[in-house]
Amino acid sequence: MAGSKLKERPKVAFILMLSGGLFILLGSISSFLLSTLFRSLITQMITHMYGYGFYGFSLAAIGMLFGIVVVYSAFMVDSLDVEKVRKWSTIGLICSVLSLLDFGGFFLGFVLSFVGSIMAMMAK
């Protein structure tokens, strides 16, 4: 199947994965802000939602990494090469599922990137 091409670029999958990745990034940034900068101001809320110190910071950093990978894979999916689309949609799918460690970008980011990855995998 080397060198096979798609009929058209998976534009809807690209848009869904891109917006999902941006939501994952936004959720991770807000998680980072809550777990580090505003920890002393709203201690009780953070205790129940994000934890303290290194735990909250680590989850936020991992969430940002997954968001960046999903956004990058969205741009890589916007191609006509079948192998490239399949490979990067699989990577985007895995990272969108793993983004649930940091609440998946308000859960909306997870859903958008998950659906976009599935659509990209099924592109013909």
PDB file of N, CA and C in Angstrom:
ATOM      1  N   MET A   1       0.825  -1.189   0.000  1.00  0.00           N
ATOM      2  CA  MET A   1       0.000   0.000   0.000  1.00  0.00           C
ATOM      3  C   MET A   1       0.873   1.258   0.000  1.00  0.00           C
ATOM      4  N   ALA A   2       2.150   1.081  -0.274  1.00  0.00           N
ATOM      5  CA  ALA A   2       3.066   2.215  -0.293  1.00  0.00           C
ATOM      6  C   ALA A   2       2.713   3.166  -1.434  1.00  0.00           C
ATOM      7  N   GLY A   3       2.663   4.424  -1.098  1.00  0.00           N
ATOM      8  CA  GLY A   3       2.397   5.429  -2.114  1.00  0.00           C
ATOM      9  C   GLY A   3       0.929   5.630  -2.450  1.00  0.00           C
ATOM     10  N   SER A   4       0.010   4.978  -1.729  1.00  0.00           N
ATOM     11  CA  SER A   4      -1.403   5.160  -2.038  1.00  0.00           C
ATOM     12  C   SER A   4      -1.879   6.512  -1.513  1.00  0.00           C
ATOM     13  N   LYS A   5      -2.822   7.061  -2.227  1.00  0.00           N
ATOM     14  CA  LYS A   5      -3.311   8.402  -1.916  1.00  0.00           C
ATOM     15  C   LYS A   5      -4.797   8.371  -1.594  1.00  0.00           C
ATOM     16  N   LEU A   6      -5.211   9.318  -0.759  1.00  0.00           N
ATOM     17  CA  LEU A   6      -6.623   9.510  -0.467  1.00  0.00           C
ATOM     18  C   LEU A   6      -7.256  10.320  -1.587  1.00  0.00           C
ATOM     19  N   LYS A   7      -8.579  10.197  -1.744  1.00  0.00           N
ATOM     20  CA  LYS A   7      -9.282  10.984  -2.757  1.00  0.00           C
ATOM     21  C   LYS A   7      -9.281  12.459  -2.401  1.00  0.00           C
ATOM     22  N   GLU A   8      -9.486  12.753  -1.120  1.00  0.00           N
ATOM     23  CA  GLU A   8      -9.474  14.142  -0.660  1.00  0.00           C
ATOM     24  C   GLU A   8      -8.955  14.193   0.766  1.00  0.00           C
ATOM     25  N   ARG A   9      -8.504  15.351   1.157  1.00  0.00           N
ATOM     26  CA  ARG A   9      -7.969  15.525   2.514  1.00  0.00           C
ATOM     27  C   ARG A   9      -9.105  15.413   3.534  1.00  0.00           C
ATOM     28  N   PRO A  10      -8.841  14.802   4.678  1.00  0.00           N
ATOM     29  CA  PRO A  10      -9.876  14.693   5.718  1.00  0.00           C
ATOM     30  C   PRO A  10     -10.020  16.015   6.488  1.00  0.00           C
ATOM     31  N   LYS A  11     -10.694  16.989   5.877  1.00  0.00           N
ATOM     32  CA  LYS A  11     -10.794  18.338   6.444  1.00  0.00           C
ATOM     33  C   LYS A  11     -11.586  18.372   7.753  1.00  0.00           C
ATOM     34  N   VAL A  12     -12.708  17.643   7.810  1.00  0.00           N
ATOM     35  CA  VAL A  12     -13.519  17.651   9.036  1.00  0.00           C
ATOM     36  C   VAL A  12     -12.733  17.026  10.180  1.00  0.00           C
ATOM     37  N   ALA A  13     -12.017  15.938   9.883  1.00  0.00           N
ATOM     38  CA  ALA A  13     -11.194  15.298  10.909  1.00  0.00           C
ATOM     39  C   ALA A  13     -10.094  16.257  11.377  1.00  0.00           C
ATOM     40  N   PHE A  14      -9.500  16.989  10.439  1.00  0.00           N
ATOM     41  CA  PHE A  14      -8.476  17.968  10.787  1.00  0.00           C
ATOM     42  C   PHE A  14      -9.039  19.032  11.717  1.00  0.00           C
ATOM     43  N   ILE A  15     -10.201  19.569  11.386  1.00  0.00           N
ATOM     44  CA  ILE A  15     -10.806  20.630  12.200  1.00  0.00           C
ATOM     45  C   ILE A  15     -11.159  20.114  13.592  1.00  0.00           C
ATOM     46  N   LEU A  16     -11.720  18.910  13.668  1.00  0.00           N
ATOM     47  CA  LEU A  16     -12.085  18.343  14.965  1.00  0.00           C
ATOM     48  C   LEU A  16     -10.848  18.072  15.826  1.00  0.00           C
ATOM     49  N   MET A  17      -9.817  17.492  15.212  1.00  0.00           N
ATOM     50  CA  MET A  17      -8.605  17.210  15.970  1.00  0.00           C
ATOM     51  C   MET A  17      -7.911  18.490  16.421  1.00  0.00           C
ATOM     52  N   LEU A  18      -7.875  19.484  15.551  1.00  0.00           N
ATOM     53  CA  LEU A  18      -7.242  20.753  15.899  1.00  0.00           C
ATOM     54  C   LEU A  18      -7.981  21.445  17.033  1.00  0.00           C
ATOM     55  N   SER A  19      -9.299  21.544  16.930  1.00  0.00           N
ATOM     56  CA  SER A  19     -10.056  22.203  17.998  1.00  0.00           C
ATOM     57  C   SER A  19      -9.990  21.388  19.289  1.00  0.00           C
ATOM     58  N   GLY A  20     -10.010  20.061  19.194  1.00  0.00           N
ATOM     59  CA  GLY A  20      -9.868  19.235  20.388  1.00  0.00           C
ATOM     60  C   GLY A  20      -8.516  19.422  21.050  1.00  0.00           C
ATOM     61  N   GLY A  21      -7.462  19.472  20.242  1.00  0.00           N
ATOM     62  CA  GLY A  21      -6.126  19.702  20.791  1.00  0.00           C
ATOM     63  C   GLY A  21      -5.997  21.063  21.452  1.00  0.00           C
ATOM     64  N   LEU A  22      -6.635  22.062  20.868  1.00  0.00           N
ATOM     65  CA  LEU A  22      -6.597  23.396  21.483  1.00  0.00           C
ATOM     66  C   LEU A  22      -7.372  23.429  22.798  1.00  0.00           C
ATOM     67  N   PHE A  23      -8.488  22.713  22.864  1.00  0.00           N
ATOM     68  CA  PHE A  23      -9.217  22.612  24.128  1.00  0.00           C
ATOM     69  C   PHE A  23      -8.393  21.871  25.182  1.00  0.00           C
ATOM     70  N   ILE A  24      -7.675  20.825  24.768  1.00  0.00           N
ATOM     71  CA  ILE A  24      -6.820  20.101  25.710  1.00  0.00           C
ATOM     72  C   ILE A  24      -5.726  21.025  26.229  1.00  0.00           C
ATOM     73  N   LEU A  25      -5.134  21.824  25.341  1.00  0.00           N
ATOM     74  CA  LEU A  25      -4.124  22.805  25.771  1.00  0.00           C
ATOM     75  C   LEU A  25      -4.714  23.841  26.721  1.00  0.00           C
ATOM     76  N   LEU A  26      -5.888  24.354  26.390  1.00  0.00           N
ATOM     77  CA  LEU A  26      -6.535  25.349  27.240  1.00  0.00           C
ATOM     78  C   LEU A  26      -6.856  24.777  28.618  1.00  0.00           C
ATOM     79  N   GLY A  27      -7.376  23.557  28.648  1.00  0.00           N
ATOM     80  CA  GLY A  27      -7.678  22.912  29.928  1.00  0.00           C
ATOM     81  C   GLY A  27      -6.430  22.662  30.744  1.00  0.00           C
ATOM     82  N   SER A  28      -5.339  22.290  30.097  1.00  0.00           N
ATOM     83  CA  SER A  28      -4.090  22.039  30.809  1.00  0.00           C
ATOM     84  C   SER A  28      -3.485  23.330  31.342  1.00  0.00           C
ATOM     85  N   ILE A  29      -3.593  24.391  30.577  1.00  0.00           N
ATOM     86  CA  ILE A  29      -3.088  25.677  31.045  1.00  0.00           C
ATOM     87  C   ILE A  29      -3.888  26.156  32.257  1.00  0.00           C
ATOM     88  N   SER A  30      -5.205  26.006  32.196  1.00  0.00           N
ATOM     89  CA  SER A  30      -6.008  26.407  33.358  1.00  0.00           C
ATOM     90  C   SER A  30      -5.720  25.506  34.552  1.00  0.00           C
ATOM     91  N   SER A  31      -5.475  24.233  34.327  1.00  0.00           N
ATOM     92  CA  SER A  31      -5.099  23.319  35.397  1.00  0.00           C
ATOM     93  C   SER A  31      -3.757  23.728  35.999  1.00  0.00           C
ATOM     94  N   PHE A  32      -2.825  24.123  35.136  1.00  0.00           N
ATOM     95  CA  PHE A  32      -1.532  24.592  35.611  1.00  0.00           C
ATOM     96  C   PHE A  32      -1.684  25.834  36.475  1.00  0.00           C
ATOM     97  N   LEU A  33      -2.501  26.772  36.013  1.00  0.00           N
ATOM     98  CA  LEU A  33      -2.699  27.999  36.784  1.00  0.00           C
ATOM     99  C   LEU A  33      -3.336  27.710  38.135  1.00  0.00           C
ATOM    100  N   LEU A  34      -4.315  26.825  38.148  1.00  0.00           N
ATOM    101  CA  LEU A  34      -4.962  26.490  39.409  1.00  0.00           C
ATOM    102  C   LEU A  34      -4.045  25.733  40.353  1.00  0.00           C
ATOM    103  N   SER A  35      -3.195  24.880  39.812  1.00  0.00           N
ATOM    104  CA  SER A  35      -2.372  24.049  40.685  1.00  0.00           C
ATOM    105  C   SER A  35      -1.105  24.740  41.157  1.00  0.00           C
ATOM    106  N   THR A  36      -0.677  25.798  40.496  1.00  0.00           N
ATOM    107  CA  THR A  36       0.571  26.439  40.903  1.00  0.00           C
ATOM    108  C   THR A  36       0.383  27.882  41.353  1.00  0.00           C
ATOM    109  N   LEU A  37      -0.139  28.719  40.487  1.00  0.00           N
ATOM    110  CA  LEU A  37      -0.164  30.146  40.781  1.00  0.00           C
ATOM    111  C   LEU A  37      -1.203  30.539  41.826  1.00  0.00           C
ATOM    112  N   PHE A  38      -2.395  29.947  41.727  1.00  0.00           N
ATOM    113  CA  PHE A  38      -3.471  30.354  42.614  1.00  0.00           C
ATOM    114  C   PHE A  38      -3.686  29.373  43.770  1.00  0.00           C
ATOM    115  N   ARG A  39      -2.728  28.514  44.027  1.00  0.00           N
ATOM    116  CA  ARG A  39      -2.887  27.491  45.049  1.00  0.00           C
ATOM    117  C   ARG A  39      -3.166  28.083  46.421  1.00  0.00           C
ATOM    118  N   SER A  40      -2.471  29.123  46.797  1.00  0.00           N
ATOM    119  CA  SER A  40      -2.652  29.685  48.123  1.00  0.00           C
ATOM    120  C   SER A  40      -3.966  30.448  48.261  1.00  0.00           C
ATOM    121  N   LEU A  41      -4.531  30.914  47.148  1.00  0.00           N
ATOM    122  CA  LEU A  41      -5.762  31.698  47.215  1.00  0.00           C
ATOM    123  C   LEU A  41      -7.003  30.832  47.382  1.00  0.00           C
ATOM    124  N   ILE A  42      -7.034  29.713  46.717  1.00  0.00           N
ATOM    125  CA  ILE A  42      -8.226  28.864  46.746  1.00  0.00           C
ATOM    126  C   ILE A  42      -7.843  27.432  47.121  1.00  0.00           C
ATOM    127  N   THR A  43      -7.225  27.290  48.258  1.00  0.00           N
ATOM    128  CA  THR A  43      -6.653  26.025  48.688  1.00  0.00           C
ATOM    129  C   THR A  43      -7.682  24.900  48.774  1.00  0.00           C
ATOM    130  N   GLN A  44      -8.847  25.161  49.287  1.00  0.00           N
ATOM    131  CA  GLN A  44      -9.828  24.091  49.469  1.00  0.00           C
ATOM    132  C   GLN A  44     -10.297  23.507  48.140  1.00  0.00           C
ATOM    133  N   MET A  45     -10.536  24.336  47.155  1.00  0.00           N
ATOM    134  CA  MET A  45     -10.985  23.841  45.863  1.00  0.00           C
ATOM    135  C   MET A  45      -9.898  23.013  45.187  1.00  0.00           C
ATOM    136  N   ILE A  46      -8.676  23.475  45.253  1.00  0.00           N
ATOM    137  CA  ILE A  46      -7.582  22.768  44.613  1.00  0.00           C
ATOM    138  C   ILE A  46      -7.332  21.437  45.305  1.00  0.00           C
ATOM    139  N   THR A  47      -7.531  21.384  46.609  1.00  0.00           N
ATOM    140  CA  THR A  47      -7.316  20.135  47.340  1.00  0.00           C
ATOM    141  C   THR A  47      -8.175  19.029  46.760  1.00  0.00           C
ATOM    142  N   HIS A  48      -9.403  19.328  46.448  1.00  0.00           N
ATOM    143  CA  HIS A  48     -10.312  18.309  45.947  1.00  0.00           C
ATOM    144  C   HIS A  48     -10.188  18.079  44.445  1.00  0.00           C
ATOM    145  N   MET A  49      -9.742  19.065  43.695  1.00  0.00           N
ATOM    146  CA  MET A  49      -9.729  18.929  42.240  1.00  0.00           C
ATOM    147  C   MET A  49      -8.371  18.526  41.683  1.00  0.00           C
ATOM    148  N   TYR A  50      -7.304  19.166  42.126  1.00  0.00           N
ATOM    149  CA  TYR A  50      -6.035  19.008  41.438  1.00  0.00           C
ATOM    150  C   TYR A  50      -4.890  18.502  42.306  1.00  0.00           C
ATOM    151  N   GLY A  51      -5.022  18.507  43.573  1.00  0.00           N
ATOM    152  CA  GLY A  51      -3.900  18.107  44.413  1.00  0.00           C
ATOM    153  C   GLY A  51      -2.974  19.275  44.673  1.00  0.00           C
ATOM    154  N   TYR A  52      -1.867  18.991  45.303  1.00  0.00           N
ATOM    155  CA  TYR A  52      -0.917  20.036  45.662  1.00  0.00           C
ATOM    156  C   TYR A  52       0.385  19.896  44.902  1.00  0.00           C
ATOM    157  N   GLY A  53       1.083  21.002  44.792  1.00  0.00           N
ATOM    158  CA  GLY A  53       2.453  21.050  44.349  1.00  0.00           C
ATOM    159  C   GLY A  53       2.793  20.289  43.087  1.00  0.00           C
ATOM    160  N   PHE A  54       3.733  19.382  43.228  1.00  0.00           N
ATOM    161  CA  PHE A  54       4.298  18.689  42.083  1.00  0.00           C
ATOM    162  C   PHE A  54       3.279  17.823  41.360  1.00  0.00           C
ATOM    163  N   TYR A  55       2.343  17.256  42.089  1.00  0.00           N
ATOM    164  CA  TYR A  55       1.313  16.411  41.470  1.00  0.00           C
ATOM    165  C   TYR A  55       0.480  17.216  40.470  1.00  0.00           C
ATOM    166  N   GLY A  56      -0.041  18.346  40.884  1.00  0.00           N
ATOM    167  CA  GLY A  56      -0.855  19.181  39.999  1.00  0.00           C
ATOM    168  C   GLY A  56      -0.044  19.746  38.849  1.00  0.00           C
ATOM    169  N   PHE A  57       1.186  20.153  39.143  1.00  0.00           N
ATOM    170  CA  PHE A  57       2.057  20.694  38.103  1.00  0.00           C
ATOM    171  C   PHE A  57       2.384  19.615  37.071  1.00  0.00           C
ATOM    172  N   SER A  58       2.659  18.404  37.532  1.00  0.00           N
ATOM    173  CA  SER A  58       3.008  17.311  36.621  1.00  0.00           C
ATOM    174  C   SER A  58       1.843  16.946  35.717  1.00  0.00           C
ATOM    175  N   LEU A  59       0.650  16.851  36.274  1.00  0.00           N
ATOM    176  CA  LEU A  59      -0.520  16.543  35.452  1.00  0.00           C
ATOM    177  C   LEU A  59      -0.759  17.622  34.401  1.00  0.00           C
ATOM    178  N   ALA A  60      -0.591  18.863  34.792  1.00  0.00           N
ATOM    179  CA  ALA A  60      -0.794  19.959  33.844  1.00  0.00           C
ATOM    180  C   ALA A  60       0.258  19.919  32.736  1.00  0.00           C
ATOM    181  N   ALA A  61       1.492  19.636  33.084  1.00  0.00           N
ATOM    182  CA  ALA A  61       2.555  19.564  32.072  1.00  0.00           C
ATOM    183  C   ALA A  61       2.321  18.403  31.117  1.00  0.00           C
ATOM    184  N   ILE A  62       1.890  17.272  31.639  1.00  0.00           N
ATOM    185  CA  ILE A  62       1.597  16.119  30.791  1.00  0.00           C
ATOM    186  C   ILE A  62       0.409  16.426  29.879  1.00  0.00           C
ATOM    187  N   GLY A  63      -0.600  17.098  30.425  1.00  0.00           N
ATOM    188  CA  GLY A  63      -1.753  17.488  29.619  1.00  0.00           C
ATOM    189  C   GLY A  63      -1.370  18.436  28.494  1.00  0.00           C
ATOM    190  N   MET A  64      -0.464  19.377  28.783  1.00  0.00           N
ATOM    191  CA  MET A  64       0.011  20.287  27.736  1.00  0.00           C
ATOM    192  C   MET A  64       0.753  19.526  26.650  1.00  0.00           C
ATOM    193  N   LEU A  65       1.562  18.556  27.049  1.00  0.00           N
ATOM    194  CA  LEU A  65       2.285  17.748  26.073  1.00  0.00           C
ATOM    195  C   LEU A  65       1.312  16.990  25.171  1.00  0.00           C
ATOM    196  N   PHE A  66       0.271  16.391  25.746  1.00  0.00           N
ATOM    197  CA  PHE A  66      -0.714  15.672  24.948  1.00  0.00           C
ATOM    198  C   PHE A  66      -1.464  16.619  24.020  1.00  0.00           C
ATOM    199  N   GLY A  67      -1.775  17.815  24.496  1.00  0.00           N
ATOM    200  CA  GLY A  67      -2.445  18.800  23.649  1.00  0.00           C
ATOM    201  C   GLY A  67      -1.594  19.214  22.469  1.00  0.00           C
ATOM    202  N   ILE A  68      -0.304  19.414  22.713  1.00  0.00           N
ATOM    203  CA  ILE A  68       0.610  19.792  21.632  1.00  0.00           C
ATOM    204  C   ILE A  68       0.709  18.668  20.609  1.00  0.00           C
ATOM    205  N   VAL A  69       0.780  17.424  21.079  1.00  0.00           N
ATOM    206  CA  VAL A  69       0.885  16.291  20.159  1.00  0.00           C
ATOM    207  C   VAL A  69      -0.388  16.141  19.331  1.00  0.00           C
ATOM    208  N   VAL A  70      -1.552  16.369  19.950  1.00  0.00           N
ATOM    209  CA  VAL A  70      -2.814  16.277  19.204  1.00  0.00           C
ATOM    210  C   VAL A  70      -2.894  17.377  18.147  1.00  0.00           C
ATOM    211  N   VAL A  71      -2.477  18.581  18.485  1.00  0.00           N
ATOM    212  CA  VAL A  71      -2.477  19.673  17.499  1.00  0.00           C
ATOM    213  C   VAL A  71      -1.509  19.353  16.363  1.00  0.00           C
ATOM    214  N   TYR A  72      -0.329  18.852  16.689  1.00  0.00           N
ATOM    215  CA  TYR A  72       0.647  18.496  15.649  1.00  0.00           C
ATOM    216  C   TYR A  72       0.113  17.365  14.769  1.00  0.00           C
ATOM    217  N   SER A  73      -0.490  16.375  15.398  1.00  0.00           N
ATOM    218  CA  SER A  73      -1.020  15.264  14.601  1.00  0.00           C
ATOM    219  C   SER A  73      -2.187  15.713  13.728  1.00  0.00           C
ATOM    220  N   ALA A  74      -2.926  16.728  14.155  1.00  0.00           N
ATOM    221  CA  ALA A  74      -3.993  17.267  13.308  1.00  0.00           C
ATOM    222  C   ALA A  74      -3.404  17.844  12.024  1.00  0.00           C
ATOM    223  N   PHE A  75      -2.296  18.568  12.146  1.00  0.00           N
ATOM    224  CA  PHE A  75      -1.666  19.120  10.951  1.00  0.00           C
ATOM    225  C   PHE A  75      -1.065  18.027  10.071  1.00  0.00           C
ATOM    226  N   MET A  76      -0.594  16.959  10.682  1.00  0.00           N
ATOM    227  CA  MET A  76      -0.030  15.863   9.907  1.00  0.00           C
ATOM    228  C   MET A  76      -1.127  15.042   9.224  1.00  0.00           C
ATOM    229  N   VAL A  77      -2.324  15.021   9.800  1.00  0.00           N
ATOM    230  CA  VAL A  77      -3.451  14.293   9.207  1.00  0.00           C
ATOM    231  C   VAL A  77      -3.973  15.010   7.965  1.00  0.00           C
ATOM    232  N   ASP A  78      -3.746  16.297   7.885  1.00  0.00           N
ATOM    233  CA  ASP A  78      -4.219  17.081   6.740  1.00  0.00           C
ATOM    234  C   ASP A  78      -3.328  16.807   5.525  1.00  0.00           C
ATOM    235  N   SER A  79      -3.384  15.577   5.055  1.00  0.00           N
ATOM    236  CA  SER A  79      -2.525  15.108   3.972  1.00  0.00           C
ATOM    237  C   SER A  79      -3.301  14.153   3.077  1.00  0.00           C
ATOM    238  N   LEU A  80      -2.730  13.837   1.938  1.00  0.00           N
ATOM    239  CA  LEU A  80      -3.342  12.857   1.041  1.00  0.00           C
ATOM    240  C   LEU A  80      -2.684  11.478   1.145  1.00  0.00           C
ATOM    241  N   ASP A  81      -1.594  11.375   1.870  1.00  0.00           N
ATOM    242  CA  ASP A  81      -0.873  10.114   2.017  1.00  0.00           C
ATOM    243  C   ASP A  81      -1.570   9.229   3.058  1.00  0.00           C
ATOM    244  N   VAL A  82      -2.000   8.045   2.647  1.00  0.00           N
ATOM    245  CA  VAL A  82      -2.780   7.152   3.512  1.00  0.00           C
ATOM    246  C   VAL A  82      -1.992   6.740   4.751  1.00  0.00           C
ATOM    247  N   GLU A  83      -0.736   6.353   4.575  1.00  0.00           N
ATOM    248  CA  GLU A  83       0.069   5.887   5.696  1.00  0.00           C
ATOM    249  C   GLU A  83       0.294   6.991   6.724  1.00  0.00           C
ATOM    250  N   LYS A  84       0.555   8.188   6.244  1.00  0.00           N
ATOM    251  CA  LYS A  84       0.768   9.327   7.140  1.00  0.00           C
ATOM    252  C   LYS A  84      -0.501   9.647   7.920  1.00  0.00           C
ATOM    253  N   VAL A  85      -1.643   9.624   7.255  1.00  0.00           N
ATOM    254  CA  VAL A  85      -2.925   9.905   7.918  1.00  0.00           C
ATOM    255  C   VAL A  85      -3.218   8.851   8.974  1.00  0.00           C
ATOM    256  N   ARG A  86      -3.032   7.573   8.640  1.00  0.00           N
ATOM    257  CA  ARG A  86      -3.310   6.490   9.590  1.00  0.00           C
ATOM    258  C   ARG A  86      -2.388   6.568  10.810  1.00  0.00           C
ATOM    259  N   LYS A  87      -1.104   6.809  10.554  1.00  0.00           N
ATOM    260  CA  LYS A  87      -0.124   6.870  11.639  1.00  0.00           C
ATOM    261  C   LYS A  87      -0.431   8.012  12.606  1.00  0.00           C
ATOM    262  N   TRP A  88      -0.649   9.209  12.068  1.00  0.00           N
ATOM    263  CA  TRP A  88      -0.846  10.365  12.934  1.00  0.00           C
ATOM    264  C   TRP A  88      -2.240  10.404  13.557  1.00  0.00           C
ATOM    265  N   SER A  89      -3.223   9.810  12.911  1.00  0.00           N
ATOM    266  CA  SER A  89      -4.537   9.737  13.560  1.00  0.00           C
ATOM    267  C   SER A  89      -4.503   8.755  14.717  1.00  0.00           C
ATOM    268  N   THR A  90      -3.702   7.698  14.603  1.00  0.00           N
ATOM    269  CA  THR A  90      -3.538   6.768  15.719  1.00  0.00           C
ATOM    270  C   THR A  90      -2.819   7.441  16.884  1.00  0.00           C
ATOM    271  N   ILE A  91      -1.781   8.195  16.587  1.00  0.00           N
ATOM    272  CA  ILE A  91      -1.071   8.929  17.635  1.00  0.00           C
ATOM    273  C   ILE A  91      -1.997   9.952  18.282  1.00  0.00           C
ATOM    274  N   GLY A  92      -2.790  10.655  17.487  1.00  0.00           N
ATOM    275  CA  GLY A  92      -3.750  11.619  18.030  1.00  0.00           C
ATOM    276  C   GLY A  92      -4.802  10.950  18.896  1.00  0.00           C
ATOM    277  N   LEU A  93      -5.254   9.778  18.496  1.00  0.00           N
ATOM    278  CA  LEU A  93      -6.244   9.033  19.276  1.00  0.00           C
ATOM    279  C   LEU A  93      -5.676   8.621  20.631  1.00  0.00           C
ATOM    280  N   ILE A  94      -4.464   8.106  20.633  1.00  0.00           N
ATOM    281  CA  ILE A  94      -3.833   7.688  21.885  1.00  0.00           C
ATOM    282  C   ILE A  94      -3.639   8.884  22.812  1.00  0.00           C
ATOM    283  N   CYS A  95      -3.161   9.990  22.274  1.00  0.00           N
ATOM    284  CA  CYS A  95      -2.934  11.180  23.112  1.00  0.00           C
ATOM    285  C   CYS A  95      -4.238  11.797  23.594  1.00  0.00           C
ATOM    286  N   SER A  96      -5.292  11.710  22.805  1.00  0.00           N
ATOM    287  CA  SER A  96      -6.570  12.256  23.266  1.00  0.00           C
ATOM    288  C   SER A  96      -7.123  11.415  24.414  1.00  0.00           C
ATOM    289  N   VAL A  97      -6.952  10.109  24.355  1.00  0.00           N
ATOM    290  CA  VAL A  97      -7.400   9.254  25.463  1.00  0.00           C
ATOM    291  C   VAL A  97      -6.545   9.509  26.704  1.00  0.00           C
ATOM    292  N   LEU A  98      -5.236   9.636  26.515  1.00  0.00           N
ATOM    293  CA  LEU A  98      -4.357   9.891  27.650  1.00  0.00           C
ATOM    294  C   LEU A  98      -4.559  11.285  28.245  1.00  0.00           C
ATOM    295  N   SER A  99      -5.132  12.194  27.477  1.00  0.00           N
ATOM    296  CA  SER A  99      -5.381  13.539  28.003  1.00  0.00           C
ATOM    297  C   SER A  99      -6.432  13.530  29.108  1.00  0.00           C
ATOM    298  N   LEU A 100      -7.141  12.428  29.243  1.00  0.00           N
ATOM    299  CA  LEU A 100      -8.121  12.327  30.328  1.00  0.00           C
ATOM    300  C   LEU A 100      -7.458  12.334  31.701  1.00  0.00           C
ATOM    301  N   LEU A 101      -6.147  12.109  31.764  1.00  0.00           N
ATOM    302  CA  LEU A 101      -5.429  12.222  33.027  1.00  0.00           C
ATOM    303  C   LEU A 101      -5.557  13.633  33.597  1.00  0.00           C
ATOM    304  N   ASP A 102      -5.648  14.614  32.718  1.00  0.00           N
ATOM    305  CA  ASP A 102      -5.801  16.011  33.132  1.00  0.00           C
ATOM    306  C   ASP A 102      -7.157  16.544  32.672  1.00  0.00           C
ATOM    307  N   PHE A 103      -8.160  15.729  32.770  1.00  0.00           N
ATOM    308  CA  PHE A 103      -9.555  16.058  32.466  1.00  0.00           C
ATOM    309  C   PHE A 103      -9.838  16.326  30.994  1.00  0.00           C
ATOM    310  N   GLY A 104      -8.932  16.003  30.113  1.00  0.00           N
ATOM    311  CA  GLY A 104      -9.164  16.015  28.676  1.00  0.00           C
ATOM    312  C   GLY A 104      -9.640  17.327  28.100  1.00  0.00           C
ATOM    313  N   GLY A 105      -9.137  18.427  28.577  1.00  0.00           N
ATOM    314  CA  GLY A 105      -9.549  19.718  28.015  1.00  0.00           C
ATOM    315  C   GLY A 105     -11.028  19.976  28.221  1.00  0.00           C
ATOM    316  N   PHE A 106     -11.440  19.953  29.489  1.00  0.00           N
ATOM    317  CA  PHE A 106     -12.845  20.130  29.879  1.00  0.00           C
ATOM    318  C   PHE A 106     -13.727  19.028  29.285  1.00  0.00           C
ATOM    319  N   PHE A 107     -13.153  17.879  29.017  1.00  0.00           N
ATOM    320  CA  PHE A 107     -13.777  16.708  28.410  1.00  0.00           C
ATOM    321  C   PHE A 107     -14.194  16.970  26.964  1.00  0.00           C
ATOM    322  N   LEU A 108     -14.454  18.200  26.613  1.00  0.00           N
ATOM    323  CA  LEU A 108     -14.820  18.547  25.246  1.00  0.00           C
ATOM    324  C   LEU A 108     -13.646  18.327  24.299  1.00  0.00           C
ATOM    325  N   GLY A 109     -12.446  18.657  24.738  1.00  0.00           N
ATOM    326  CA  GLY A 109     -11.258  18.438  23.921  1.00  0.00           C
ATOM    327  C   GLY A 109     -11.032  16.971  23.631  1.00  0.00           C
ATOM    328  N   PHE A 110     -11.267  16.138  24.639  1.00  0.00           N
ATOM    329  CA  PHE A 110     -11.137  14.696  24.435  1.00  0.00           C
ATOM    330  C   PHE A 110     -12.129  14.212  23.389  1.00  0.00           C
ATOM    331  N   VAL A 111     -13.380  14.612  23.521  1.00  0.00           N
ATOM    332  CA  VAL A 111     -14.421  14.137  22.601  1.00  0.00           C
ATOM    333  C   VAL A 111     -14.126  14.593  21.170  1.00  0.00           C
ATOM    334  N   LEU A 112     -13.781  15.860  20.991  1.00  0.00           N
ATOM    335  CA  LEU A 112     -13.509  16.380  19.649  1.00  0.00           C
ATOM    336  C   LEU A 112     -12.314  15.687  19.001  1.00  0.00           C
ATOM    337  N   SER A 113     -11.226  15.563  19.740  1.00  0.00           N
ATOM    338  CA  SER A 113     -10.040  14.938  19.155  1.00  0.00           C
ATOM    339  C   SER A 113     -10.233  13.438  18.955  1.00  0.00           C
ATOM    340  N   PHE A 114     -10.993  12.786  19.818  1.00  0.00           N
ATOM    341  CA  PHE A 114     -11.281  11.361  19.660  1.00  0.00           C
ATOM    342  C   PHE A 114     -12.099  11.117  18.389  1.00  0.00           C
ATOM    343  N   VAL A 115     -13.159  11.891  18.219  1.00  0.00           N
ATOM    344  CA  VAL A 115     -14.004  11.739  17.028  1.00  0.00           C
ATOM    345  C   VAL A 115     -13.224  12.099  15.761  1.00  0.00           C
ATOM    346  N   GLY A 116     -12.428  13.162  15.814  1.00  0.00           N
ATOM    347  CA  GLY A 116     -11.621  13.541  14.658  1.00  0.00           C
ATOM    348  C   GLY A 116     -10.602  12.478  14.284  1.00  0.00           C
ATOM    349  N   SER A 117     -10.003  11.856  15.284  1.00  0.00           N
ATOM    350  CA  SER A 117      -9.035  10.786  15.009  1.00  0.00           C
ATOM    351  C   SER A 117      -9.702   9.580  14.359  1.00  0.00           C
ATOM    352  N   ILE A 118     -10.863   9.214  14.861  1.00  0.00           N
ATOM    353  CA  ILE A 118     -11.609   8.093  14.285  1.00  0.00           C
ATOM    354  C   ILE A 118     -11.994   8.407  12.843  1.00  0.00           C
ATOM    355  N   MET A 119     -12.446   9.629  12.602  1.00  0.00           N
ATOM    356  CA  MET A 119     -12.818  10.021  11.241  1.00  0.00           C
ATOM    357  C   MET A 119     -11.609   9.981  10.303  1.00  0.00           C
ATOM    358  N   ALA A 120     -10.466  10.403  10.794  1.00  0.00           N
ATOM    359  CA  ALA A 120      -9.253  10.379   9.976  1.00  0.00           C
ATOM    360  C   ALA A 120      -8.831   8.939   9.672  1.00  0.00           C
ATOM    361  N   MET A 121      -8.989   8.062  10.632  1.00  0.00           N
ATOM    362  CA  MET A 121      -8.648   6.642  10.390  1.00  0.00           C
ATOM    363  C   MET A 121      -9.545   6.015   9.339  1.00  0.00           C
ATOM    364  N   MET A 122     -10.783   6.465   9.273  1.00  0.00           N
ATOM    365  CA  MET A 122     -11.741   5.880   8.340  1.00  0.00           C
ATOM    366  C   MET A 122     -11.754   6.577   6.977  1.00  0.00           C
ATOM    367  N   ALA A 123     -10.900   7.582   6.794  1.00  0.00           N
ATOM    368  CA  ALA A 123     -10.868   8.305   5.520  1.00  0.00           C
ATOM    369  C   ALA A 123     -10.466   7.392   4.384  1.00  0.00           C
ATOM    370  N   LYS A 124     -11.128   7.589   3.247  1.00  0.00           N
ATOM    371  CA  LYS A 124     -10.849   6.759   2.055  1.00  0.00           C
ATOM    372  C   LYS A 124     -10.377   7.615   0.905  1.00  0.00           C
TER     373      LYS A 124
END
